[in-house]
């Protein structure tokens, strides 16, 4: 996140807050429940919704963002940014933990490569 220009996050804010985003070409990405409700209320097909420039956001859609912890020199964690995401601190893996993860992901790899 800390490497993104501030305007990038401001463009994504409506998508992250309201599950609604209007693209530069006019297409709207809409939360699946709202899309389904409008489609049902107006007896529209998916093709008709597409023709109107509305695209349904998949129910499993998620945004995952990574960032370095903020510092005094690079304090990217502003109120506007903090409201967009739920934050979780993830510690660095120890050598033993990393080796276990690699062994689980690549069970056929020679042990020497995993160390």
PDB file of N, CA and C in Angstrom:
ATOM      1  N   UNK A   1       0.828  -1.195   0.000  1.00  0.00           N
ATOM      2  CA  UNK A   1       0.000   0.000   0.000  1.00  0.00           C
ATOM      3  C   UNK A   1       0.867   1.252   0.000  1.00  0.00           C
ATOM      4  N   UNK A   2       1.956   1.196   0.743  1.00  0.00           N
ATOM      5  CA  UNK A   2       2.782   2.391   0.890  1.00  0.00           C
ATOM      6  C   UNK A   2       3.386   2.849  -0.427  1.00  0.00           C
ATOM      7  N   UNK A   3       3.416   1.997  -1.435  1.00  0.00           N
ATOM      8  CA  UNK A   3       4.009   2.365  -2.718  1.00  0.00           C
ATOM      9  C   UNK A   3       2.986   2.919  -3.706  1.00  0.00           C
ATOM     10  N   UNK A   4       1.723   2.809  -3.385  1.00  0.00           N
ATOM     11  CA  UNK A   4       0.685   3.309  -4.284  1.00  0.00           C
ATOM     12  C   UNK A   4       0.526   4.811  -4.164  1.00  0.00           C
ATOM     13  N   UNK A   5       0.288   5.482  -5.271  1.00  0.00           N
ATOM     14  CA  UNK A   5      -0.060   6.910  -5.178  1.00  0.00           C
ATOM     15  C   UNK A   5      -1.377   7.060  -4.413  1.00  0.00           C
ATOM     16  N   UNK A   6      -1.497   8.122  -3.671  1.00  0.00           N
ATOM     17  CA  UNK A   6      -2.696   8.346  -2.852  1.00  0.00           C
ATOM     18  C   UNK A   6      -3.967   8.333  -3.687  1.00  0.00           C
ATOM     19  N   UNK A   7      -3.900   8.840  -4.925  1.00  0.00           N
ATOM     20  CA  UNK A   7      -5.104   8.882  -5.746  1.00  0.00           C
ATOM     21  C   UNK A   7      -5.580   7.486  -6.147  1.00  0.00           C
ATOM     22  N   UNK A   8      -4.683   6.505  -6.168  1.00  0.00           N
ATOM     23  CA  UNK A   8      -5.096   5.136  -6.476  1.00  0.00           C
ATOM     24  C   UNK A   8      -6.028   4.618  -5.392  1.00  0.00           C
ATOM     25  N   UNK A   9      -5.669   4.852  -4.143  1.00  0.00           N
ATOM     26  CA  UNK A   9      -6.527   4.409  -3.051  1.00  0.00           C
ATOM     27  C   UNK A   9      -7.845   5.170  -3.035  1.00  0.00           C
ATOM     28  N   UNK A  10      -7.810   6.437  -3.384  1.00  0.00           N
ATOM     29  CA  UNK A  10      -9.061   7.201  -3.398  1.00  0.00           C
ATOM     30  C   UNK A  10      -9.988   6.711  -4.502  1.00  0.00           C
ATOM     31  N   UNK A  11      -9.427   6.216  -5.601  1.00  0.00           N
ATOM     32  CA  UNK A  11     -10.250   5.654  -6.674  1.00  0.00           C
ATOM     33  C   UNK A  11     -10.879   4.342  -6.221  1.00  0.00           C
ATOM     34  N   UNK A  12     -10.142   3.565  -5.440  1.00  0.00           N
ATOM     35  CA  UNK A  12     -10.652   2.278  -4.971  1.00  0.00           C
ATOM     36  C   UNK A  12     -11.616   2.396  -3.792  1.00  0.00           C
ATOM     37  N   UNK A  13     -11.632   3.530  -3.126  1.00  0.00           N
ATOM     38  CA  UNK A  13     -12.455   3.704  -1.924  1.00  0.00           C
ATOM     39  C   UNK A  13     -13.925   3.337  -2.132  1.00  0.00           C
ATOM     40  N   UNK A  14     -14.595   3.793  -3.198  1.00  0.00           N
ATOM     41  CA  UNK A  14     -16.006   3.396  -3.364  1.00  0.00           C
ATOM     42  C   UNK A  14     -16.189   1.884  -3.514  1.00  0.00           C
ATOM     43  N   UNK A  15     -15.248   1.232  -4.163  1.00  0.00           N
ATOM     44  CA  UNK A  15     -15.328  -0.224  -4.315  1.00  0.00           C
ATOM     45  C   UNK A  15     -15.177  -0.902  -2.958  1.00  0.00           C
ATOM     46  N   UNK A  16     -14.245  -0.427  -2.156  1.00  0.00           N
ATOM     47  CA  UNK A  16     -13.988  -1.047  -0.864  1.00  0.00           C
ATOM     48  C   UNK A  16     -15.046  -0.711   0.175  1.00  0.00           C
ATOM     49  N   UNK A  17     -15.593   0.496   0.136  1.00  0.00           N
ATOM     50  CA  UNK A  17     -16.613   0.905   1.108  1.00  0.00           C
ATOM     51  C   UNK A  17     -18.014   0.465   0.703  1.00  0.00           C
ATOM     52  N   UNK A  18     -18.370   0.709  -0.552  1.00  0.00           N
ATOM     53  CA  UNK A  18     -19.751   0.528  -0.998  1.00  0.00           C
ATOM     54  C   UNK A  18     -19.947  -0.621  -1.978  1.00  0.00           C
ATOM     55  N   UNK A  19     -18.873  -1.306  -2.333  1.00  0.00           N
ATOM     56  CA  UNK A  19     -18.922  -2.367  -3.350  1.00  0.00           C
ATOM     57  C   UNK A  19     -19.542  -1.853  -4.641  1.00  0.00           C
ATOM     58  N   UNK A  20     -19.166  -0.650  -5.008  1.00  0.00           N
ATOM     59  CA  UNK A  20     -19.649  -0.036  -6.243  1.00  0.00           C
ATOM     60  C   UNK A  20     -18.510   0.795  -6.818  1.00  0.00           C
ATOM     61  N   UNK A  21     -18.223   0.589  -8.094  1.00  0.00           N
ATOM     62  CA  UNK A  21     -17.156   1.337  -8.740  1.00  0.00           C
ATOM     63  C   UNK A  21     -17.563   1.630 -10.174  1.00  0.00           C
ATOM     64  N   UNK A  22     -17.436   2.883 -10.571  1.00  0.00           N
ATOM     65  CA  UNK A  22     -17.680   3.271 -11.954  1.00  0.00           C
ATOM     66  C   UNK A  22     -16.338   3.419 -12.649  1.00  0.00           C
ATOM     67  N   UNK A  23     -16.151   2.624 -13.698  1.00  0.00           N
ATOM     68  CA  UNK A  23     -14.904   2.650 -14.458  1.00  0.00           C
ATOM     69  C   UNK A  23     -14.894   3.827 -15.428  1.00  0.00           C
ATOM     70  N   UNK A  24     -13.718   4.220 -15.933  1.00  0.00           N
ATOM     71  CA  UNK A  24     -13.644   5.356 -16.857  1.00  0.00           C
ATOM     72  C   UNK A  24     -14.530   5.219 -18.103  1.00  0.00           C
ATOM     73  N   UNK A  25     -14.797   3.984 -18.538  1.00  0.00           N
ATOM     74  CA  UNK A  25     -15.657   3.795 -19.716  1.00  0.00           C
ATOM     75  C   UNK A  25     -17.142   3.823 -19.373  1.00  0.00           C
ATOM     76  N   UNK A  26     -17.472   4.050 -18.086  1.00  0.00           N
ATOM     77  CA  UNK A  26     -18.866   4.139 -17.671  1.00  0.00           C
ATOM     78  C   UNK A  26     -19.423   2.854 -17.097  1.00  0.00           C
ATOM     79  N   UNK A  27     -18.716   1.755 -17.245  1.00  0.00           N
ATOM     80  CA  UNK A  27     -19.164   0.486 -16.685  1.00  0.00           C
ATOM     81  C   UNK A  27     -19.187   0.567 -15.168  1.00  0.00           C
ATOM     82  N   UNK A  28     -20.232   0.004 -14.575  1.00  0.00           N
ATOM     83  CA  UNK A  28     -20.320  -0.022 -13.121  1.00  0.00           C
ATOM     84  C   UNK A  28     -20.109  -1.438 -12.611  1.00  0.00           C
ATOM     85  N   UNK A  29     -19.236  -1.574 -11.632  1.00  0.00           N
ATOM     86  CA  UNK A  29     -19.069  -2.835 -10.915  1.00  0.00           C
ATOM     87  C   UNK A  29     -19.939  -2.718  -9.675  1.00  0.00           C
ATOM     88  N   UNK A  30     -20.859  -3.667  -9.488  1.00  0.00           N
ATOM     89  CA  UNK A  30     -21.866  -3.532  -8.433  1.00  0.00           C
ATOM     90  C   UNK A  30     -21.881  -4.761  -7.520  1.00  0.00           C
ATOM     91  N   UNK A  31     -22.090  -4.522  -6.230  1.00  0.00           N
ATOM     92  CA  UNK A  31     -22.212  -5.599  -5.241  1.00  0.00           C
ATOM     93  C   UNK A  31     -23.257  -6.595  -5.722  1.00  0.00           C
ATOM     94  N   UNK A  32     -22.968  -7.873  -5.538  1.00  0.00           N
ATOM     95  CA  UNK A  32     -23.846  -8.923  -6.058  1.00  0.00           C
ATOM     96  C   UNK A  32     -25.277  -8.832  -5.537  1.00  0.00           C
ATOM     97  N   UNK A  33     -25.467  -8.495  -4.267  1.00  0.00           N
ATOM     98  CA  UNK A  33     -26.827  -8.419  -3.714  1.00  0.00           C
ATOM     99  C   UNK A  33     -27.610  -7.264  -4.341  1.00  0.00           C
ATOM    100  N   UNK A  34     -26.958  -6.125  -4.498  1.00  0.00           N
ATOM    101  CA  UNK A  34     -27.627  -4.979  -5.121  1.00  0.00           C
ATOM    102  C   UNK A  34     -27.930  -5.266  -6.591  1.00  0.00           C
ATOM    103  N   UNK A  35     -26.957  -5.858  -7.284  1.00  0.00           N
ATOM    104  CA  UNK A  35     -27.135  -6.237  -8.689  1.00  0.00           C
ATOM    105  C   UNK A  35     -28.336  -7.180  -8.823  1.00  0.00           C
ATOM    106  N   UNK A  36     -28.369  -8.219  -7.990  1.00  0.00           N
ATOM    107  CA  UNK A  36     -29.459  -9.205  -8.050  1.00  0.00           C
ATOM    108  C   UNK A  36     -30.809  -8.564  -7.752  1.00  0.00           C
ATOM    109  N   UNK A  37     -30.834  -7.634  -6.805  1.00  0.00           N
ATOM    110  CA  UNK A  37     -32.076  -6.948  -6.449  1.00  0.00           C
ATOM    111  C   UNK A  37     -32.597  -6.094  -7.610  1.00  0.00           C
ATOM    112  N   UNK A  38     -31.713  -5.319  -8.217  1.00  0.00           N
ATOM    113  CA  UNK A  38     -32.115  -4.472  -9.352  1.00  0.00           C
ATOM    114  C   UNK A  38     -32.562  -5.339 -10.516  1.00  0.00           C
ATOM    115  N   UNK A  39     -31.821  -6.386 -10.780  1.00  0.00           N
ATOM    116  CA  UNK A  39     -32.147  -7.305 -11.875  1.00  0.00           C
ATOM    117  C   UNK A  39     -33.525  -7.924 -11.659  1.00  0.00           C
ATOM    118  N   UNK A  40     -33.799  -8.352 -10.437  1.00  0.00           N
ATOM    119  CA  UNK A  40     -35.089  -8.970 -10.103  1.00  0.00           C
ATOM    120  C   UNK A  40     -36.235  -7.955 -10.130  1.00  0.00           C
ATOM    121  N   UNK A  41     -36.016  -6.791  -9.532  1.00  0.00           N
ATOM    122  CA  UNK A  41     -37.064  -5.761  -9.468  1.00  0.00           C
ATOM    123  C   UNK A  41     -37.510  -5.300 -10.847  1.00  0.00           C
ATOM    124  N   UNK A  42     -36.589  -5.293 -11.806  1.00  0.00           N
ATOM    125  CA  UNK A  42     -36.891  -4.777 -13.145  1.00  0.00           C
ATOM    126  C   UNK A  42     -36.991  -5.887 -14.196  1.00  0.00           C
ATOM    127  N   UNK A  43     -37.010  -7.150 -13.727  1.00  0.00           N
ATOM    128  CA  UNK A  43     -37.114  -8.309 -14.626  1.00  0.00           C
ATOM    129  C   UNK A  43     -36.107  -8.229 -15.772  1.00  0.00           C
ATOM    130  N   UNK A  44     -34.850  -8.012 -15.427  1.00  0.00           N
ATOM    131  CA  UNK A  44     -33.790  -7.897 -16.431  1.00  0.00           C
ATOM    132  C   UNK A  44     -32.952  -9.172 -16.452  1.00  0.00           C
ATOM    133  N   UNK A  45     -32.394  -9.477 -17.604  1.00  0.00           N
ATOM    134  CA  UNK A  45     -31.471 -10.597 -17.724  1.00  0.00           C
ATOM    135  C   UNK A  45     -30.048 -10.085 -17.494  1.00  0.00           C
ATOM    136  N   UNK A  46     -29.112 -11.015 -17.346  1.00  0.00           N
ATOM    137  CA  UNK A  46     -27.717 -10.624 -17.207  1.00  0.00           C
ATOM    138  C   UNK A  46     -27.245  -9.871 -18.448  1.00  0.00           C
ATOM    139  N   UNK A  47     -27.722 -10.301 -19.616  1.00  0.00           N
ATOM    140  CA  UNK A  47     -27.349  -9.632 -20.867  1.00  0.00           C
ATOM    141  C   UNK A  47     -27.852  -8.187 -20.887  1.00  0.00           C
ATOM    142  N   UNK A  48     -29.059  -7.975 -20.383  1.00  0.00           N
ATOM    143  CA  UNK A  48     -29.610  -6.618 -20.331  1.00  0.00           C
ATOM    144  C   UNK A  48     -28.849  -5.754 -19.329  1.00  0.00           C
ATOM    145  N   UNK A  49     -28.445  -6.357 -18.230  1.00  0.00           N
ATOM    146  CA  UNK A  49     -27.643  -5.609 -17.252  1.00  0.00           C
ATOM    147  C   UNK A  49     -26.296  -5.245 -17.868  1.00  0.00           C
ATOM    148  N   UNK A  50     -25.691  -6.179 -18.578  1.00  0.00           N
ATOM    149  CA  UNK A  50     -24.419  -5.896 -19.251  1.00  0.00           C
ATOM    150  C   UNK A  50     -24.588  -4.794 -20.284  1.00  0.00           C
ATOM    151  N   UNK A  51     -25.691  -4.838 -21.028  1.00  0.00           N
ATOM    152  CA  UNK A  51     -25.953  -3.811 -22.041  1.00  0.00           C
ATOM    153  C   UNK A  51     -26.101  -2.434 -21.399  1.00  0.00           C
ATOM    154  N   UNK A  52     -26.556  -2.398 -20.154  1.00  0.00           N
ATOM    155  CA  UNK A  52     -26.687  -1.129 -19.418  1.00  0.00           C
ATOM    156  C   UNK A  52     -25.363  -0.731 -18.750  1.00  0.00           C
ATOM    157  N   UNK A  53     -24.349  -1.564 -18.930  1.00  0.00           N
ATOM    158  CA  UNK A  53     -23.032  -1.235 -18.379  1.00  0.00           C
ATOM    159  C   UNK A  53     -22.864  -1.583 -16.920  1.00  0.00           C
ATOM    160  N   UNK A  54     -23.632  -2.576 -16.439  1.00  0.00           N
ATOM    161  CA  UNK A  54     -23.547  -2.965 -15.034  1.00  0.00           C
ATOM    162  C   UNK A  54     -23.013  -4.393 -14.950  1.00  0.00           C
ATOM    163  N   UNK A  55     -21.954  -4.575 -14.164  1.00  0.00           N
ATOM    164  CA  UNK A  55     -21.327  -5.876 -13.990  1.00  0.00           C
ATOM    165  C   UNK A  55     -21.430  -6.289 -12.528  1.00  0.00           C
ATOM    166  N   UNK A  56     -21.824  -7.514 -12.312  1.00  0.00           N
ATOM    167  CA  UNK A  56     -21.998  -8.060 -10.964  1.00  0.00           C
ATOM    168  C   UNK A  56     -20.635  -8.433 -10.378  1.00  0.00           C
ATOM    169  N   UNK A  57     -20.377  -7.979  -9.148  1.00  0.00           N
ATOM    170  CA  UNK A  57     -19.167  -8.361  -8.425  1.00  0.00           C
ATOM    171  C   UNK A  57     -19.423  -9.727  -7.792  1.00  0.00           C
ATOM    172  N   UNK A  58     -18.516 -10.643  -7.991  1.00  0.00           N
ATOM    173  CA  UNK A  58     -18.675 -11.997  -7.459  1.00  0.00           C
ATOM    174  C   UNK A  58     -18.763 -11.951  -5.934  1.00  0.00           C
ATOM    175  N   UNK A  59     -19.624 -12.790  -5.331  1.00  0.00           N
ATOM    176  CA  UNK A  59     -19.767 -12.787  -3.870  1.00  0.00           C
ATOM    177  C   UNK A  59     -18.465 -13.068  -3.115  1.00  0.00           C
ATOM    178  N   UNK A  60     -17.547 -13.769  -3.735  1.00  0.00           N
ATOM    179  CA  UNK A  60     -16.280 -14.096  -3.071  1.00  0.00           C
ATOM    180  C   UNK A  60     -15.199 -13.052  -3.304  1.00  0.00           C
ATOM    181  N   UNK A  61     -15.525 -11.965  -3.974  1.00  0.00           N
ATOM    182  CA  UNK A  61     -14.533 -10.927  -4.260  1.00  0.00           C
ATOM    183  C   UNK A  61     -13.975 -10.351  -2.967  1.00  0.00           C
ATOM    184  N   UNK A  62     -12.658 -10.291  -2.891  1.00  0.00           N
ATOM    185  CA  UNK A  62     -11.968  -9.697  -1.749  1.00  0.00           C
ATOM    186  C   UNK A  62     -10.776  -8.915  -2.266  1.00  0.00           C
ATOM    187  N   UNK A  63     -10.334  -7.948  -1.498  1.00  0.00           N
ATOM    188  CA  UNK A  63      -9.111  -7.216  -1.810  1.00  0.00           C
ATOM    189  C   UNK A  63      -8.130  -7.520  -0.686  1.00  0.00           C
ATOM    190  N   UNK A  64      -6.963  -7.977  -1.072  1.00  0.00           N
ATOM    191  CA  UNK A  64      -5.905  -8.246  -0.119  1.00  0.00           C
ATOM    192  C   UNK A  64      -4.759  -7.311  -0.455  1.00  0.00           C
ATOM    193  N   UNK A  65      -4.341  -6.535   0.515  1.00  0.00           N
ATOM    194  CA  UNK A  65      -3.258  -5.578   0.289  1.00  0.00           C
ATOM    195  C   UNK A  65      -2.142  -5.844   1.291  1.00  0.00           C
ATOM    196  N   UNK A  66      -0.935  -5.663   0.840  1.00  0.00           N
ATOM    197  CA  UNK A  66       0.232  -5.827   1.699  1.00  0.00           C
ATOM    198  C   UNK A  66       0.916  -4.483   1.880  1.00  0.00           C
ATOM    199  N   UNK A  67       1.537  -4.310   3.034  1.00  0.00           N
ATOM    200  CA  UNK A  67       2.249  -3.057   3.285  1.00  0.00           C
ATOM    201  C   UNK A  67       3.301  -3.275   4.357  1.00  0.00           C
ATOM    202  N   UNK A  68       4.311  -2.453   4.305  1.00  0.00           N
ATOM    203  CA  UNK A  68       5.299  -2.417   5.375  1.00  0.00           C
ATOM    204  C   UNK A  68       4.709  -1.576   6.508  1.00  0.00           C
ATOM    205  N   UNK A  69       5.122  -1.847   7.734  1.00  0.00           N
ATOM    206  CA  UNK A  69       4.610  -1.016   8.838  1.00  0.00           C
ATOM    207  C   UNK A  69       4.942   0.458   8.607  1.00  0.00           C
ATOM    208  N   UNK A  70       4.037   1.352   8.979  1.00  0.00           N
ATOM    209  CA  UNK A  70       4.328   2.779   8.809  1.00  0.00           C
ATOM    210  C   UNK A  70       5.479   3.212   9.718  1.00  0.00           C
ATOM    211  N   UNK A  71       6.212   4.201   9.248  1.00  0.00           N
ATOM    212  CA  UNK A  71       7.315   4.765  10.023  1.00  0.00           C
ATOM    213  C   UNK A  71       7.122   6.275  10.092  1.00  0.00           C
ATOM    214  N   UNK A  72       7.956   6.950  10.885  1.00  0.00           N
ATOM    215  CA  UNK A  72       7.877   8.407  10.941  1.00  0.00           C
ATOM    216  C   UNK A  72       8.187   9.016   9.583  1.00  0.00           C
ATOM    217  N   UNK A  73       9.146   8.399   8.868  1.00  0.00           N
ATOM    218  CA  UNK A  73       9.534   8.904   7.546  1.00  0.00           C
ATOM    219  C   UNK A  73       8.472   8.598   6.486  1.00  0.00           C
ATOM    220  N   UNK A  74       7.859   7.439   6.584  1.00  0.00           N
ATOM    221  CA  UNK A  74       6.858   7.010   5.605  1.00  0.00           C
ATOM    222  C   UNK A  74       5.589   6.598   6.333  1.00  0.00           C
ATOM    223  N   UNK A  75       4.803   7.582   6.728  1.00  0.00           N
ATOM    224  CA  UNK A  75       3.565   7.311   7.441  1.00  0.00           C
ATOM    225  C   UNK A  75       2.408   7.272   6.447  1.00  0.00           C
ATOM    226  N   UNK A  76       2.227   6.133   5.832  1.00  0.00           N
ATOM    227  CA  UNK A  76       1.159   5.974   4.839  1.00  0.00           C
ATOM    228  C   UNK A  76      -0.180   5.671   5.485  1.00  0.00           C
ATOM    229  N   UNK A  77      -0.165   5.327   6.778  1.00  0.00           N
ATOM    230  CA  UNK A  77      -1.395   4.944   7.469  1.00  0.00           C
ATOM    231  C   UNK A  77      -2.141   6.192   7.927  1.00  0.00           C
ATOM    232  N   UNK A  78      -2.890   6.767   7.008  1.00  0.00           N
ATOM    233  CA  UNK A  78      -3.681   7.961   7.270  1.00  0.00           C
ATOM    234  C   UNK A  78      -5.123   7.547   7.558  1.00  0.00           C
ATOM    235  N   UNK A  79      -5.927   8.433   8.117  1.00  0.00           N
ATOM    236  CA  UNK A  79      -7.319   8.066   8.399  1.00  0.00           C
ATOM    237  C   UNK A  79      -8.068   7.536   7.170  1.00  0.00           C
ATOM    238  N   UNK A  80      -7.789   8.122   6.007  1.00  0.00           N
ATOM    239  CA  UNK A  80      -8.464   7.668   4.779  1.00  0.00           C
ATOM    240  C   UNK A  80      -8.069   6.235   4.439  1.00  0.00           C
ATOM    241  N   UNK A  81      -6.804   5.901   4.643  1.00  0.00           N
ATOM    242  CA  UNK A  81      -6.313   4.558   4.349  1.00  0.00           C
ATOM    243  C   UNK A  81      -6.803   3.567   5.391  1.00  0.00           C
ATOM    244  N   UNK A  82      -6.765   3.960   6.635  1.00  0.00           N
ATOM    245  CA  UNK A  82      -7.152   3.072   7.726  1.00  0.00           C
ATOM    246  C   UNK A  82      -8.611   2.628   7.606  1.00  0.00           C
ATOM    247  N   UNK A  83      -9.455   3.469   7.058  1.00  0.00           N
ATOM    248  CA  UNK A  83     -10.873   3.126   6.946  1.00  0.00           C
ATOM    249  C   UNK A  83     -11.142   2.143   5.810  1.00  0.00           C
ATOM    250  N   UNK A  84     -10.177   1.924   4.936  1.00  0.00           N
ATOM    251  CA  UNK A  84     -10.389   1.045   3.788  1.00  0.00           C
ATOM    252  C   UNK A  84     -10.111  -0.427   4.091  1.00  0.00           C
ATOM    253  N   UNK A  85      -9.292  -0.698   5.072  1.00  0.00           N
ATOM    254  CA  UNK A  85      -8.828  -2.061   5.292  1.00  0.00           C
ATOM    255  C   UNK A  85      -8.911  -2.455   6.760  1.00  0.00           C
ATOM    256  N   UNK A  86      -8.946  -3.762   6.978  1.00  0.00           N
ATOM    257  CA  UNK A  86      -8.741  -4.330   8.300  1.00  0.00           C
ATOM    258  C   UNK A  86      -7.280  -4.767   8.333  1.00  0.00           C
ATOM    259  N   UNK A  87      -6.566  -4.403   9.352  1.00  0.00           N
ATOM    260  CA  UNK A  87      -5.132  -4.648   9.401  1.00  0.00           C
ATOM    261  C   UNK A  87      -4.794  -5.816  10.314  1.00  0.00           C
ATOM    262  N   UNK A  88      -3.854  -6.636   9.860  1.00  0.00           N
ATOM    263  CA  UNK A  88      -3.339  -7.761  10.640  1.00  0.00           C
ATOM    264  C   UNK A  88      -1.819  -7.747  10.520  1.00  0.00           C
ATOM    265  N   UNK A  89      -1.149  -7.786  11.644  1.00  0.00           N
ATOM    266  CA  UNK A  89       0.310  -7.849  11.633  1.00  0.00           C
ATOM    267  C   UNK A  89       0.711  -9.313  11.519  1.00  0.00           C
ATOM    268  N   UNK A  90       1.582  -9.610  10.581  1.00  0.00           N
ATOM    269  CA  UNK A  90       2.055 -10.970  10.376  1.00  0.00           C
ATOM    270  C   UNK A  90       3.557 -10.980  10.626  1.00  0.00           C
ATOM    271  N   UNK A  91       3.967 -11.769  11.582  1.00  0.00           N
ATOM    272  CA  UNK A  91       5.396 -11.825  11.912  1.00  0.00           C
ATOM    273  C   UNK A  91       6.161 -12.586  10.834  1.00  0.00           C
ATOM    274  N   UNK A  92       7.442 -12.309  10.740  1.00  0.00           N
ATOM    275  CA  UNK A  92       8.301 -13.031   9.807  1.00  0.00           C
ATOM    276  C   UNK A  92       8.457 -14.471  10.289  1.00  0.00           C
ATOM    277  N   UNK A  93       8.498 -15.410   9.359  1.00  0.00           N
ATOM    278  CA  UNK A  93       8.645 -16.814   9.719  1.00  0.00           C
ATOM    279  C   UNK A  93      10.085 -17.098  10.164  1.00  0.00           C
ATOM    280  N   UNK A  94      10.201 -17.946  11.159  1.00  0.00           N
ATOM    281  CA  UNK A  94      11.531 -18.403  11.560  1.00  0.00           C
ATOM    282  C   UNK A  94      12.023 -19.382  10.499  1.00  0.00           C
ATOM    283  N   UNK A  95      13.290 -19.731  10.564  1.00  0.00           N
ATOM    284  CA  UNK A  95      13.865 -20.667   9.593  1.00  0.00           C
ATOM    285  C   UNK A  95      13.147 -22.018   9.642  1.00  0.00           C
ATOM    286  N   UNK A  96      12.816 -22.479  10.845  1.00  0.00           N
ATOM    287  CA  UNK A  96      12.118 -23.761  11.006  1.00  0.00           C
ATOM    288  C   UNK A  96      10.712 -23.682  10.409  1.00  0.00           C
ATOM    289  N   UNK A  97       9.999 -22.575  10.675  1.00  0.00           N
ATOM    290  CA  UNK A  97       8.658 -22.405  10.120  1.00  0.00           C
ATOM    291  C   UNK A  97       8.692 -22.329   8.600  1.00  0.00           C
ATOM    292  N   UNK A  98       9.648 -21.585   8.075  1.00  0.00           N
ATOM    293  CA  UNK A  98       9.776 -21.451   6.632  1.00  0.00           C
ATOM    294  C   UNK A  98      10.087 -22.796   5.987  1.00  0.00           C
ATOM    295  N   UNK A  99      10.951 -23.557   6.594  1.00  0.00           N
ATOM    296  CA  UNK A  99      11.278 -24.880   6.063  1.00  0.00           C
ATOM    297  C   UNK A  99      10.041 -25.786   6.070  1.00  0.00           C
ATOM    298  N   UNK A 100       9.230 -25.712   7.109  1.00  0.00           N
ATOM    299  CA  UNK A 100       8.008 -26.523   7.189  1.00  0.00           C
ATOM    300  C   UNK A 100       7.012 -26.123   6.105  1.00  0.00           C
ATOM    301  N   UNK A 101       6.871 -24.834   5.861  1.00  0.00           N
ATOM    302  CA  UNK A 101       5.966 -24.356   4.805  1.00  0.00           C
ATOM    303  C   UNK A 101       6.447 -24.833   3.447  1.00  0.00           C
ATOM    304  N   UNK A 102       7.730 -24.665   3.173  1.00  0.00           N
ATOM    305  CA  UNK A 102       8.278 -25.097   1.887  1.00  0.00           C
ATOM    306  C   UNK A 102       8.144 -26.607   1.702  1.00  0.00           C
ATOM    307  N   UNK A 103       8.376 -27.380   2.760  1.00  0.00           N
ATOM    308  CA  UNK A 103       8.237 -28.835   2.676  1.00  0.00           C
ATOM    309  C   UNK A 103       6.794 -29.227   2.391  1.00  0.00           C
ATOM    310  N   UNK A 104       5.842 -28.498   2.968  1.00  0.00           N
ATOM    311  CA  UNK A 104       4.427 -28.792   2.708  1.00  0.00           C
ATOM    312  C   UNK A 104       4.026 -28.425   1.284  1.00  0.00           C
ATOM    313  N   UNK A 105       4.576 -27.321   0.782  1.00  0.00           N
ATOM    314  CA  UNK A 105       4.237 -26.881  -0.578  1.00  0.00           C
ATOM    315  C   UNK A 105       4.946 -27.704  -1.649  1.00  0.00           C
ATOM    316  N   UNK A 106       6.149 -28.150  -1.346  1.00  0.00           N
ATOM    317  CA  UNK A 106       6.965 -28.870  -2.332  1.00  0.00           C
ATOM    318  C   UNK A 106       7.497 -30.163  -1.711  1.00  0.00           C
ATOM    319  N   UNK A 107       6.618 -31.130  -1.475  1.00  0.00           N
ATOM    320  CA  UNK A 107       7.027 -32.343  -0.750  1.00  0.00           C
ATOM    321  C   UNK A 107       8.069 -33.185  -1.476  1.00  0.00           C
ATOM    322  N   UNK A 108       8.173 -33.061  -2.783  1.00  0.00           N
ATOM    323  CA  UNK A 108       9.128 -33.874  -3.537  1.00  0.00           C
ATOM    324  C   UNK A 108      10.490 -33.202  -3.697  1.00  0.00           C
ATOM    325  N   UNK A 109      10.661 -32.031  -3.119  1.00  0.00           N
ATOM    326  CA  UNK A 109      11.936 -31.302  -3.252  1.00  0.00           C
ATOM    327  C   UNK A 109      12.999 -31.930  -2.364  1.00  0.00           C
ATOM    328  N   UNK A 110      14.231 -31.940  -2.840  1.00  0.00           N
ATOM    329  CA  UNK A 110      15.319 -32.440  -1.991  1.00  0.00           C
ATOM    330  C   UNK A 110      15.453 -31.594  -0.728  1.00  0.00           C
ATOM    331  N   UNK A 111      15.746 -32.237   0.378  1.00  0.00           N
ATOM    332  CA  UNK A 111      15.840 -31.556   1.668  1.00  0.00           C
ATOM    333  C   UNK A 111      16.858 -30.421   1.635  1.00  0.00           C
ATOM    334  N   UNK A 112      17.920 -30.585   0.902  1.00  0.00           N
ATOM    335  CA  UNK A 112      18.965 -29.564   0.831  1.00  0.00           C
ATOM    336  C   UNK A 112      18.430 -28.243   0.263  1.00  0.00           C
ATOM    337  N   UNK A 113      17.462 -28.335  -0.638  1.00  0.00           N
ATOM    338  CA  UNK A 113      16.876 -27.120  -1.218  1.00  0.00           C
ATOM    339  C   UNK A 113      15.958 -26.406  -0.237  1.00  0.00           C
ATOM    340  N   UNK A 114      15.396 -27.140   0.692  1.00  0.00           N
ATOM    341  CA  UNK A 114      14.451 -26.554   1.648  1.00  0.00           C
ATOM    342  C   UNK A 114      15.138 -25.879   2.821  1.00  0.00           C
ATOM    343  N   UNK A 115      16.430 -26.166   3.017  1.00  0.00           N
ATOM    344  CA  UNK A 115      17.137 -25.604   4.173  1.00  0.00           C
ATOM    345  C   UNK A 115      17.716 -24.250   3.867  1.00  0.00           C
TER     346      UNK A 115
END
